Every structure is written in structure tokens, then in C-alpha cells.
Amino acid sequence: VYTVENNLPVVDSVSIVPQTIYEGEQTLTCEVEVSDYDGDNVEISYEWFIDGTPQQEEDSNMLSGSFTLGMVIACNATPNDGKED
């Protein structure tokens, strides 16, 4: 007897573009590459953080704002294959 199981989608890479962020108004993009062994269609949900604080554009791959020197900006990407994150 064999049981067919779902393989989880995998994040292959995450990067924030542009790589150099200057002070002032800018729009950043979270670029993500994913793979799924089963070939399922993968959707990605996004979370943005500035200095550890979640931002309102939490489900978009873009973050716009006025950035200042010393800010730590992070993008978390979670893939979902329609079955599991």
C-alpha cells in the first residue's frame, strides 16, 4: 500500500530590490523564487518589517515609504501550494 503525500513548496531565494536603499521616498519589491516538487501552483504571501515592526503592506510584494538611515527592512515570504504553507 502506498500513500501519496504532498511535498511542501520551497523558497529558493528571497531578495529586496533595489539592493541599495537610499534615504527618502522609495518603493521596494520583494522578489521570491519558489519550487514545488509536485508541480503545484504556488502562491506567496508576504510580510514586511521595519526595525522588527510589521508593516501595513503585509500581503503585497511591494513596500513604499520614507526610509531613513539605519532602518532594518525585512521581507518574509511564505509559499502555499493550495494544501500547505
C-alpha atoms as a PDB file:
ATOM      1  CA  VAL A   1       0.000   0.000   0.000  1.00  0.00           C
ATOM      2  CA  TYR A   2       1.304   3.431  -0.934  1.00  0.00           C
ATOM      3  CA  THR A   3       0.106   6.757   0.374  1.00  0.00           C
ATOM      4  CA  VAL A   4       0.505   9.787  -1.856  1.00  0.00           C
ATOM      5  CA  GLU A   5       1.626  12.729   0.238  1.00  0.00           C
ATOM      6  CA  ASN A   6       2.054  16.376  -0.537  1.00  0.00           C
ATOM      7  CA  ASN A   7       5.569  17.782  -0.779  1.00  0.00           C
ATOM      8  CA  LEU A   8       5.844  21.268   0.676  1.00  0.00           C
ATOM      9  CA  PRO A   9       6.758  24.171  -1.605  1.00  0.00           C
ATOM     10  CA  VAL A  10      10.251  25.545  -1.072  1.00  0.00           C
ATOM     11  CA  VAL A  11      11.570  29.115  -1.129  1.00  0.00           C
ATOM     12  CA  ASP A  12      14.690  29.016  -3.279  1.00  0.00           C
ATOM     13  CA  SER A  13      15.605  32.683  -2.852  1.00  0.00           C
ATOM     14  CA  VAL A  14      14.337  35.976  -1.434  1.00  0.00           C
ATOM     15  CA  SER A  15      15.769  39.389  -2.251  1.00  0.00           C
ATOM     16  CA  ILE A  16      14.735  43.000  -1.828  1.00  0.00           C
ATOM     17  CA  VAL A  17      15.100  45.197  -4.914  1.00  0.00           C
ATOM     18  CA  PRO A  18      16.764  47.628  -5.261  1.00  0.00           C
ATOM     19  CA  GLN A  19      19.665  46.215  -3.282  1.00  0.00           C
ATOM     20  CA  THR A  20      20.874  49.712  -2.370  1.00  0.00           C
ATOM     21  CA  ILE A  21      18.274  51.717  -0.447  1.00  0.00           C
ATOM     22  CA  TYR A  22      18.701  55.466  -0.058  1.00  0.00           C
ATOM     23  CA  GLU A  23      17.096  57.839   2.397  1.00  0.00           C
ATOM     24  CA  GLY A  24      13.760  59.270   1.298  1.00  0.00           C
ATOM     25  CA  GLU A  25      10.725  58.017  -0.591  1.00  0.00           C
ATOM     26  CA  GLN A  26      11.157  54.693  -2.349  1.00  0.00           C
ATOM     27  CA  THR A  27       9.254  51.587  -3.320  1.00  0.00           C
ATOM     28  CA  LEU A  28      10.890  48.252  -2.542  1.00  0.00           C
ATOM     29  CA  THR A  29       9.995  44.923  -4.134  1.00  0.00           C
ATOM     30  CA  CYS A  30      10.363  41.513  -2.517  1.00  0.00           C
ATOM     31  CA  GLU A  31      11.433  39.109  -5.266  1.00  0.00           C
ATOM     32  CA  VAL A  32      10.924  35.435  -4.462  1.00  0.00           C
ATOM     33  CA  GLU A  33      11.743  32.254  -6.347  1.00  0.00           C
ATOM     34  CA  VAL A  34       9.908  29.092  -5.274  1.00  0.00           C
ATOM     35  CA  SER A  35       9.764  25.484  -6.375  1.00  0.00           C
ATOM     36  CA  ASP A  36       7.319  22.666  -5.747  1.00  0.00           C
ATOM     37  CA  TYR A  37       8.332  19.058  -6.285  1.00  0.00           C
ATOM     38  CA  ASP A  38       4.706  18.107  -7.065  1.00  0.00           C
ATOM     39  CA  GLY A  39       4.399  20.822  -9.709  1.00  0.00           C
ATOM     40  CA  ASP A  40       1.547  22.515  -7.807  1.00  0.00           C
ATOM     41  CA  ASN A  41       0.715  26.153  -8.472  1.00  0.00           C
ATOM     42  CA  VAL A  42       2.332  28.119  -5.633  1.00  0.00           C
ATOM     43  CA  GLU A  43       1.012  31.379  -4.203  1.00  0.00           C
ATOM     44  CA  ILE A  44       3.176  33.534  -1.965  1.00  0.00           C
ATOM     45  CA  SER A  45       2.102  35.634   0.997  1.00  0.00           C
ATOM     46  CA  TYR A  46       4.327  38.481   2.149  1.00  0.00           C
ATOM     47  CA  GLU A  47       5.109  40.183   5.447  1.00  0.00           C
ATOM     48  CA  TRP A  48       7.183  43.351   5.679  1.00  0.00           C
ATOM     49  CA  PHE A  49       9.003  44.523   8.801  1.00  0.00           C
ATOM     50  CA  ILE A  50      10.849  47.742   9.609  1.00  0.00           C
ATOM     51  CA  ASP A  51      13.013  47.508  12.726  1.00  0.00           C
ATOM     52  CA  GLY A  52      11.054  44.381  13.713  1.00  0.00           C
ATOM     53  CA  THR A  53       7.631  46.078  13.445  1.00  0.00           C
ATOM     54  CA  PRO A  54       5.092  44.601  10.980  1.00  0.00           C
ATOM     55  CA  GLN A  55       4.016  46.985   8.216  1.00  0.00           C
ATOM     56  CA  GLN A  56       0.543  47.504   6.753  1.00  0.00           C
ATOM     57  CA  GLU A  57       1.510  46.312   3.247  1.00  0.00           C
ATOM     58  CA  GLU A  58       1.700  42.866   4.790  1.00  0.00           C
ATOM     59  CA  ASP A  59       0.277  40.931   1.859  1.00  0.00           C
ATOM     60  CA  SER A  60       1.966  42.719  -1.025  1.00  0.00           C
ATOM     61  CA  ASN A  61       5.356  42.118  -2.555  1.00  0.00           C
ATOM     62  CA  MET A  62       5.882  45.918  -2.555  1.00  0.00           C
ATOM     63  CA  LEU A  63       6.623  48.316   0.296  1.00  0.00           C
ATOM     64  CA  SER A  64       6.551  52.086  -0.182  1.00  0.00           C
ATOM     65  CA  GLY A  65       7.736  54.568   2.367  1.00  0.00           C
ATOM     66  CA  SER A  66      10.144  57.194   3.501  1.00  0.00           C
ATOM     67  CA  PHE A  67      13.229  55.368   4.678  1.00  0.00           C
ATOM     68  CA  THR A  68      15.901  56.772   6.959  1.00  0.00           C
ATOM     69  CA  LEU A  69      19.487  55.853   7.673  1.00  0.00           C
ATOM     70  CA  GLY A  70      19.853  52.814   9.937  1.00  0.00           C
ATOM     71  CA  MET A  71      16.445  51.228   9.320  1.00  0.00           C
ATOM     72  CA  VAL A  72      16.423  47.432   9.138  1.00  0.00           C
ATOM     73  CA  ILE A  73      13.950  46.301   6.480  1.00  0.00           C
ATOM     74  CA  ALA A  74      12.918  42.658   6.060  1.00  0.00           C
ATOM     75  CA  CYS A  75      10.548  40.747   3.831  1.00  0.00           C
ATOM     76  CA  ASN A  76       9.230  37.327   4.838  1.00  0.00           C
ATOM     77  CA  ALA A  77       7.745  35.178   2.078  1.00  0.00           C
ATOM     78  CA  THR A  78       5.578  32.133   2.740  1.00  0.00           C
ATOM     79  CA  PRO A  79       4.731  29.806  -0.164  1.00  0.00           C
ATOM     80  CA  ASN A  80       1.465  27.843  -0.282  1.00  0.00           C
ATOM     81  CA  ASP A  81       0.720  25.095  -2.789  1.00  0.00           C
ATOM     82  CA  GLY A  82      -3.018  25.096  -2.146  1.00  0.00           C
ATOM     83  CA  LYS A  83      -2.565  22.421   0.508  1.00  0.00           C
ATOM     84  CA  GLU A  84       0.066  23.640   2.959  1.00  0.00           C
ATOM     85  CA  ASP A  85       2.399  26.553   3.719  1.00  0.00           C
END
